[in-house]
C-alpha cells in the first residue's frame, strides 16, 4: 500500500463525523440527505466530509437517475488495518509487561 493512500485513509478516519458516516454506510447505501439526518450541520458541510471520504477511496458515489447513493469502499481500511497489524506485537508486549508489573506489586502488599 502506498504511503499516500495510508495517509489519506488515516486523515479521513481522524474525524468523528466521517467515522459516523462510514458506520452508517456499513449498513448499506444511503443518499447525502439520509447521511446528513443525524447531524446538526448543513448539507454542504456533509458534502465536504463526503468529498474527503471519496478522495481517500473510502466511499463511492453512484448515479441512478436523480438518486446519488453513497456506498462504503472498505479496501483502504483493510490497508490501514494491515499496517496497524504489524504493530500488534508491541501491544501484546506492553500488556505482558503490565501484567508482570502488577504481579510484582501484588507480591509487595
N, C-alpha and C. Protein backbone atom coordinates (compact mmCIF):
# COMPACT_ATOMS: atom_id res chain seq x y z
N UNK A 1 0.85 -1.18 0.00
CA UNK A 1 0.00 0.00 0.00
C UNK A 1 0.89 1.24 0.00
N UNK A 2 0.59 2.16 -0.83
CA UNK A 2 1.37 3.38 -0.91
C UNK A 2 1.14 4.24 0.32
N UNK A 3 2.19 4.92 0.74
CA UNK A 3 2.07 5.79 1.90
C UNK A 3 1.02 6.86 1.66
N UNK A 4 0.90 7.35 0.44
CA UNK A 4 -0.11 8.36 0.14
C UNK A 4 -1.51 7.85 0.50
N UNK A 5 -1.82 6.65 0.11
CA UNK A 5 -3.14 6.08 0.39
C UNK A 5 -3.34 5.92 1.89
N UNK A 6 -2.33 5.44 2.57
CA UNK A 6 -2.42 5.24 4.01
C UNK A 6 -2.64 6.58 4.72
N UNK A 7 -1.93 7.61 4.31
CA UNK A 7 -2.10 8.93 4.90
C UNK A 7 -3.51 9.46 4.65
N UNK A 8 -4.01 9.29 3.44
CA UNK A 8 -5.37 9.73 3.11
C UNK A 8 -6.40 8.99 3.95
N UNK A 9 -6.19 7.70 4.12
CA UNK A 9 -7.13 6.89 4.90
C UNK A 9 -7.17 7.36 6.35
N UNK A 10 -6.00 7.50 6.97
CA UNK A 10 -5.97 7.92 8.36
C UNK A 10 -6.47 9.34 8.54
N UNK A 11 -6.18 10.22 7.60
CA UNK A 11 -6.68 11.60 7.68
C UNK A 11 -8.20 11.61 7.61
N UNK A 12 -8.76 10.81 6.73
CA UNK A 12 -10.22 10.75 6.61
C UNK A 12 -10.85 10.14 7.86
N UNK A 13 -10.21 9.14 8.44
CA UNK A 13 -10.75 8.47 9.63
C UNK A 13 -10.56 9.29 10.90
N UNK A 14 -9.75 10.34 10.84
CA UNK A 14 -9.46 11.13 12.04
C UNK A 14 -10.66 11.94 12.52
N UNK A 15 -11.64 12.16 11.67
CA UNK A 15 -12.79 12.99 12.04
C UNK A 15 -13.97 12.13 12.49
N UNK A 16 -14.55 12.44 13.65
CA UNK A 16 -15.66 11.61 14.15
C UNK A 16 -16.90 11.64 13.26
N UNK A 17 -17.16 12.75 12.59
CA UNK A 17 -18.31 12.81 11.67
C UNK A 17 -18.11 11.84 10.52
N UNK A 18 -16.90 11.81 9.98
CA UNK A 18 -16.64 10.89 8.86
C UNK A 18 -16.69 9.44 9.32
N UNK A 19 -16.23 9.16 10.54
CA UNK A 19 -16.33 7.79 11.05
C UNK A 19 -17.79 7.40 11.22
N UNK A 20 -18.63 8.33 11.68
CA UNK A 20 -20.07 8.05 11.83
C UNK A 20 -20.71 7.81 10.47
N UNK A 21 -20.31 8.56 9.47
CA UNK A 21 -20.84 8.35 8.12
C UNK A 21 -20.45 6.97 7.62
N UNK A 22 -19.22 6.57 7.84
CA UNK A 22 -18.78 5.24 7.41
C UNK A 22 -19.55 4.15 8.15
N UNK A 23 -19.79 4.37 9.44
CA UNK A 23 -20.56 3.38 10.22
C UNK A 23 -21.96 3.23 9.64
N UNK A 24 -22.57 4.34 9.25
CA UNK A 24 -23.90 4.28 8.64
C UNK A 24 -23.84 3.54 7.31
N UNK A 25 -22.82 3.83 6.50
CA UNK A 25 -22.71 3.18 5.20
C UNK A 25 -22.39 1.69 5.31
N UNK A 26 -21.87 1.27 6.46
CA UNK A 26 -21.62 -0.15 6.67
C UNK A 26 -22.93 -0.94 6.70
N UNK A 27 -24.05 -0.25 6.92
CA UNK A 27 -25.35 -0.92 6.93
C UNK A 27 -26.00 -0.93 5.56
N UNK A 28 -25.44 -0.20 4.60
CA UNK A 28 -25.97 -0.16 3.25
C UNK A 28 -25.86 1.22 2.63
N UNK A 29 -26.18 1.30 1.35
CA UNK A 29 -26.11 2.57 0.63
C UNK A 29 -27.05 3.60 1.23
N UNK A 30 -26.70 4.87 1.05
CA UNK A 30 -27.54 5.96 1.55
C UNK A 30 -27.30 7.21 0.70
N UNK A 31 -28.31 8.05 0.66
CA UNK A 31 -28.17 9.33 -0.04
C UNK A 31 -27.50 10.33 0.89
N UNK A 32 -27.09 11.45 0.33
CA UNK A 32 -26.48 12.52 1.13
C UNK A 32 -27.47 13.00 2.19
N UNK A 33 -28.71 13.16 1.80
CA UNK A 33 -29.75 13.60 2.75
C UNK A 33 -29.89 12.61 3.89
N UNK A 34 -29.91 11.33 3.58
CA UNK A 34 -30.01 10.30 4.64
C UNK A 34 -28.79 10.33 5.54
N UNK A 35 -27.62 10.53 4.96
CA UNK A 35 -26.40 10.58 5.76
C UNK A 35 -26.37 11.81 6.66
N UNK A 36 -26.98 12.89 6.20
CA UNK A 36 -26.96 14.15 6.96
C UNK A 36 -27.95 14.15 8.13
N UNK A 37 -28.97 13.29 8.09
CA UNK A 37 -30.05 13.32 9.08
C UNK A 37 -29.60 13.39 10.54
N UNK A 38 -28.66 12.57 10.98
CA UNK A 38 -28.34 12.60 12.42
C UNK A 38 -27.46 13.78 12.85
N UNK A 39 -26.99 14.58 11.92
CA UNK A 39 -26.06 15.65 12.24
C UNK A 39 -26.74 17.02 12.25
N UNK A 40 -26.20 17.92 13.04
CA UNK A 40 -26.72 19.29 13.09
C UNK A 40 -25.83 20.19 12.26
N UNK A 41 -25.57 19.77 11.04
CA UNK A 41 -24.77 20.58 10.13
C UNK A 41 -25.46 20.64 8.78
N UNK A 42 -25.04 21.57 7.98
CA UNK A 42 -25.67 21.79 6.68
C UNK A 42 -25.32 20.68 5.69
N UNK A 43 -26.13 20.58 4.65
CA UNK A 43 -25.82 19.63 3.58
C UNK A 43 -24.48 19.94 2.92
N UNK A 44 -24.12 21.22 2.69
CA UNK A 44 -22.80 21.49 2.13
C UNK A 44 -21.65 20.99 3.04
N UNK A 45 -21.85 21.09 4.34
CA UNK A 45 -20.82 20.60 5.27
C UNK A 45 -20.70 19.08 5.18
N UNK A 46 -21.83 18.39 5.10
CA UNK A 46 -21.81 16.93 4.93
C UNK A 46 -21.14 16.58 3.60
N UNK A 47 -21.45 17.34 2.57
CA UNK A 47 -20.84 17.09 1.25
C UNK A 47 -19.32 17.22 1.31
N UNK A 48 -18.82 18.16 2.09
CA UNK A 48 -17.37 18.30 2.23
C UNK A 48 -16.77 17.05 2.88
N UNK A 49 -17.45 16.54 3.91
CA UNK A 49 -16.97 15.31 4.55
C UNK A 49 -16.99 14.15 3.54
N UNK A 50 -18.04 14.08 2.74
CA UNK A 50 -18.14 13.01 1.75
C UNK A 50 -17.03 13.12 0.70
N UNK A 51 -16.67 14.32 0.33
CA UNK A 51 -15.58 14.50 -0.64
C UNK A 51 -14.26 14.00 -0.07
N UNK A 52 -14.02 14.27 1.21
CA UNK A 52 -12.80 13.76 1.85
C UNK A 52 -12.79 12.23 1.83
N UNK A 53 -13.92 11.63 2.18
CA UNK A 53 -14.03 10.17 2.18
C UNK A 53 -13.88 9.60 0.77
N UNK A 54 -14.44 10.29 -0.20
CA UNK A 54 -14.35 9.83 -1.59
C UNK A 54 -12.91 9.93 -2.10
N UNK A 55 -12.24 11.03 -1.81
CA UNK A 55 -10.83 11.19 -2.24
C UNK A 55 -9.94 10.13 -1.60
N UNK A 56 -10.27 9.74 -0.37
CA UNK A 56 -9.50 8.70 0.32
C UNK A 56 -9.85 7.31 -0.19
N UNK A 57 -10.86 7.21 -1.04
CA UNK A 57 -11.27 5.91 -1.57
C UNK A 57 -12.13 5.11 -0.63
N UNK A 58 -12.63 5.74 0.44
CA UNK A 58 -13.41 5.03 1.44
C UNK A 58 -14.89 4.92 1.09
N UNK A 59 -15.35 5.79 0.18
CA UNK A 59 -16.72 5.69 -0.30
C UNK A 59 -16.72 5.87 -1.82
N UNK A 60 -17.79 5.44 -2.42
CA UNK A 60 -18.02 5.68 -3.85
C UNK A 60 -19.43 6.21 -3.98
N UNK A 61 -19.63 7.07 -4.95
CA UNK A 61 -20.96 7.62 -5.19
C UNK A 61 -21.43 7.15 -6.55
N UNK A 62 -22.63 6.63 -6.56
CA UNK A 62 -23.22 6.16 -7.81
C UNK A 62 -24.19 7.17 -8.37
N UNK A 63 -24.82 6.78 -9.43
CA UNK A 63 -25.85 7.65 -10.01
C UNK A 63 -26.95 6.75 -10.54
N UNK A 64 -28.14 6.98 -10.05
CA UNK A 64 -29.32 6.25 -10.51
C UNK A 64 -30.41 7.30 -10.70
N UNK A 65 -30.49 7.83 -11.91
CA UNK A 65 -31.38 8.95 -12.22
C UNK A 65 -31.03 10.12 -11.31
N UNK A 66 -31.97 10.59 -10.51
CA UNK A 66 -31.70 11.71 -9.61
C UNK A 66 -31.09 11.24 -8.28
N UNK A 67 -31.15 9.97 -8.03
CA UNK A 67 -30.66 9.41 -6.77
C UNK A 67 -29.16 9.17 -6.87
N UNK A 68 -28.38 9.72 -5.93
CA UNK A 68 -26.93 9.55 -5.94
C UNK A 68 -26.51 8.81 -4.67
N UNK A 69 -26.65 7.50 -4.66
CA UNK A 69 -26.31 6.76 -3.44
C UNK A 69 -24.81 6.74 -3.17
N UNK A 70 -24.47 6.75 -1.90
CA UNK A 70 -23.08 6.59 -1.46
C UNK A 70 -22.96 5.17 -0.92
N UNK A 71 -21.81 4.56 -1.14
CA UNK A 71 -21.59 3.23 -0.59
C UNK A 71 -20.17 3.13 -0.04
N UNK A 72 -20.00 2.28 0.92
CA UNK A 72 -18.72 2.05 1.57
C UNK A 72 -17.78 1.30 0.64
N UNK A 73 -16.54 1.72 0.61
CA UNK A 73 -15.46 1.01 -0.10
C UNK A 73 -14.42 0.67 0.97
N UNK A 74 -14.39 -0.56 1.40
CA UNK A 74 -13.58 -0.93 2.57
C UNK A 74 -12.11 -1.22 2.26
N UNK A 75 -11.73 -1.28 1.00
CA UNK A 75 -10.35 -1.62 0.64
C UNK A 75 -9.30 -0.80 1.36
N UNK A 76 -9.39 0.54 1.35
CA UNK A 76 -8.37 1.33 2.05
C UNK A 76 -8.31 1.06 3.55
N UNK A 77 -9.46 0.72 4.15
CA UNK A 77 -9.44 0.40 5.58
C UNK A 77 -8.71 -0.91 5.83
N UNK A 78 -8.80 -1.83 4.90
CA UNK A 78 -8.06 -3.08 5.03
C UNK A 78 -6.56 -2.79 5.00
N UNK A 79 -6.16 -1.88 4.14
CA UNK A 79 -4.75 -1.49 4.09
C UNK A 79 -4.29 -0.87 5.39
N UNK A 80 -5.14 -0.02 5.99
CA UNK A 80 -4.81 0.59 7.28
C UNK A 80 -4.74 -0.47 8.37
N UNK A 81 -5.67 -1.42 8.34
CA UNK A 81 -5.66 -2.50 9.33
C UNK A 81 -4.40 -3.35 9.19
N UNK A 82 -3.99 -3.62 7.95
CA UNK A 82 -2.75 -4.38 7.73
C UNK A 82 -1.56 -3.64 8.31
N UNK A 83 -1.52 -2.33 8.10
CA UNK A 83 -0.40 -1.53 8.61
C UNK A 83 -0.40 -1.57 10.14
N UNK A 84 -1.57 -1.41 10.76
CA UNK A 84 -1.66 -1.47 12.22
C UNK A 84 -1.29 -2.85 12.76
N UNK A 85 -1.66 -3.88 12.02
CA UNK A 85 -1.39 -5.24 12.45
C UNK A 85 0.11 -5.48 12.66
N UNK A 86 0.92 -4.81 11.86
CA UNK A 86 2.37 -5.01 12.00
C UNK A 86 2.89 -4.49 13.35
N UNK A 87 2.08 -3.71 14.06
CA UNK A 87 2.48 -3.19 15.36
C UNK A 87 1.79 -3.90 16.53
N UNK A 88 0.98 -4.88 16.21
CA UNK A 88 0.23 -5.59 17.26
C UNK A 88 1.15 -6.21 18.31
N UNK A 89 2.28 -6.70 17.89
CA UNK A 89 3.18 -7.35 18.86
C UNK A 89 3.62 -6.38 19.96
N UNK A 90 3.70 -5.10 19.64
CA UNK A 90 4.06 -4.12 20.66
C UNK A 90 2.96 -3.97 21.70
N UNK A 91 1.68 -4.08 21.26
CA UNK A 91 0.59 -4.01 22.21
C UNK A 91 0.66 -5.20 23.16
N UNK A 92 0.88 -6.39 22.60
CA UNK A 92 0.97 -7.60 23.42
C UNK A 92 2.12 -7.52 24.41
N UNK A 93 3.27 -7.05 23.94
CA UNK A 93 4.43 -6.91 24.83
C UNK A 93 4.13 -5.94 25.96
N UNK A 94 3.44 -4.86 25.65
CA UNK A 94 3.11 -3.87 26.67
C UNK A 94 2.18 -4.44 27.72
N UNK A 95 1.20 -5.23 27.30
CA UNK A 95 0.27 -5.84 28.25
C UNK A 95 0.98 -6.88 29.11
N UNK A 96 1.90 -7.62 28.52
CA UNK A 96 2.65 -8.61 29.29
C UNK A 96 3.51 -7.92 30.35
N UNK A 97 4.15 -6.81 29.98
CA UNK A 97 4.95 -6.06 30.96
C UNK A 97 4.06 -5.51 32.07
N UNK A 98 2.87 -5.04 31.72
CA UNK A 98 1.94 -4.52 32.72
C UNK A 98 1.52 -5.65 33.66
N UNK A 99 1.21 -6.82 33.11
CA UNK A 99 0.86 -7.97 33.95
C UNK A 99 2.00 -8.30 34.91
N UNK A 100 3.22 -8.34 34.41
CA UNK A 100 4.38 -8.63 35.26
C UNK A 100 4.50 -7.58 36.38
N UNK A 101 4.33 -6.33 36.01
CA UNK A 101 4.44 -5.24 36.99
C UNK A 101 3.35 -5.38 38.06
N UNK A 102 2.12 -5.68 37.65
CA UNK A 102 1.03 -5.83 38.61
C UNK A 102 1.27 -7.02 39.54
N UNK A 103 1.81 -8.11 38.99
CA UNK A 103 2.13 -9.27 39.84
C UNK A 103 3.19 -8.90 40.88
N UNK A 104 4.18 -8.14 40.46
CA UNK A 104 5.23 -7.72 41.40
C UNK A 104 4.64 -6.80 42.49
N UNK A 105 3.74 -5.95 42.10
CA UNK A 105 3.10 -5.05 43.08
C UNK A 105 2.27 -5.85 44.07
N UNK A 106 1.57 -6.89 43.59
CA UNK A 106 0.75 -7.70 44.48
C UNK A 106 1.61 -8.47 45.46
N UNK A 107 2.78 -8.90 45.04
CA UNK A 107 3.69 -9.62 45.94
C UNK A 107 4.16 -8.72 47.08
N UNK A 108 4.30 -7.44 46.78
CA UNK A 108 4.79 -6.48 47.77
C UNK A 108 3.75 -6.08 48.81
N UNK A 109 2.47 -6.39 48.55
CA UNK A 109 1.45 -5.98 49.53
C UNK A 109 1.06 -7.10 50.46
